[in-house]
Amino acid sequence: MIMRRWKASGGILKTELVHNRRFITRQQAIQEITEYIEIFYNRQRKQEKLGYLSPAQFSQQYYANLLAA
């Protein structure tokens, strides 16, 4: 599953997290990559397809618009 997400990130993950970095153990690498994907990349990082909003911002705006309608 990690490798599938790694490939889906289009190289962004490599550039932002692991470029020129050595992890002490494989477990450390898995933990830090998973945290990056789940906490930053999926929730906080601004996404072009969401109008340059983070998923959290997009969700908040979406539900605010539903309530206003």
Protein backbone atom coordinates (compact mmCIF):
# COMPACT_ATOMS: atom_id res chain seq x y z
CA MET A 1 0.00 0.00 0.00
CA ILE A 2 2.84 2.41 0.80
CA MET A 3 4.43 1.83 -2.60
CA ARG A 4 1.12 2.42 -4.39
CA ARG A 5 0.75 5.77 -2.64
CA TRP A 6 4.43 6.56 -3.24
CA LYS A 7 3.96 6.11 -6.98
CA ALA A 8 0.67 8.03 -6.99
CA SER A 9 2.31 11.10 -5.48
CA GLY A 10 4.14 11.75 -8.75
CA GLY A 11 7.53 12.31 -7.17
CA ILE A 12 6.36 15.02 -4.78
CA LEU A 13 6.89 12.76 -1.80
CA LYS A 14 10.46 12.02 -2.85
CA THR A 15 11.22 15.70 -3.31
CA GLU A 16 9.59 16.94 -0.12
CA LEU A 17 10.45 14.17 2.32
CA VAL A 18 13.20 11.77 1.34
CA HIS A 19 15.47 13.51 -1.16
CA ASN A 20 19.05 13.43 0.18
CA ARG A 21 17.89 11.79 3.42
CA ARG A 22 18.86 8.51 5.05
CA PHE A 23 16.55 6.71 7.42
CA ILE A 24 18.16 4.67 10.19
CA THR A 25 15.75 1.75 9.85
CA ARG A 26 13.16 0.59 7.38
CA GLN A 27 10.52 0.98 10.11
CA GLN A 28 11.50 4.64 10.59
CA ALA A 29 11.12 5.24 6.86
CA ILE A 30 7.72 3.56 6.74
CA GLN A 31 6.51 5.50 9.79
CA GLU A 32 7.66 8.91 8.54
CA ILE A 33 6.38 8.37 5.01
CA THR A 34 3.01 7.17 6.30
CA GLU A 35 2.72 10.17 8.64
CA TYR A 36 3.62 12.53 5.80
CA ILE A 37 0.99 11.03 3.50
CA GLU A 38 -1.78 10.76 6.07
CA ILE A 39 -1.21 14.00 7.98
CA PHE A 40 0.31 16.48 5.55
CA TYR A 41 -0.18 15.36 1.97
CA ASN A 42 -3.78 14.12 2.28
CA ARG A 43 -5.08 16.78 4.69
CA GLN A 44 -3.02 19.97 4.64
CA ARG A 45 -1.18 20.27 1.34
CA LYS A 46 -2.90 22.55 -1.17
CA GLN A 47 -4.18 20.61 -4.16
CA GLU A 48 -4.52 22.01 -7.67
CA LYS A 49 -7.64 19.95 -8.35
CA LEU A 50 -9.33 21.52 -5.30
CA GLY A 51 -8.74 25.08 -6.46
CA TYR A 52 -5.46 25.35 -4.54
CA LEU A 53 -7.18 24.66 -1.23
CA SER A 54 -6.12 22.00 1.22
CA PRO A 55 -8.55 19.09 1.52
CA ALA A 56 -9.51 20.38 4.98
CA GLN A 57 -10.19 23.89 3.63
CA PHE A 58 -12.12 22.49 0.67
CA SER A 59 -14.28 20.35 2.94
CA GLN A 60 -14.96 23.26 5.28
CA GLN A 61 -15.93 25.52 2.35
CA TYR A 62 -18.09 22.79 0.81
CA TYR A 63 -20.13 22.24 3.98
CA ALA A 64 -20.42 25.99 4.63
CA ASN A 65 -21.88 26.40 1.14
CA LEU A 66 -24.35 23.56 1.77
CA LEU A 67 -25.57 25.23 4.96
CA ALA A 68 -25.90 28.59 3.22
CA ALA A 69 -27.99 27.14 0.37
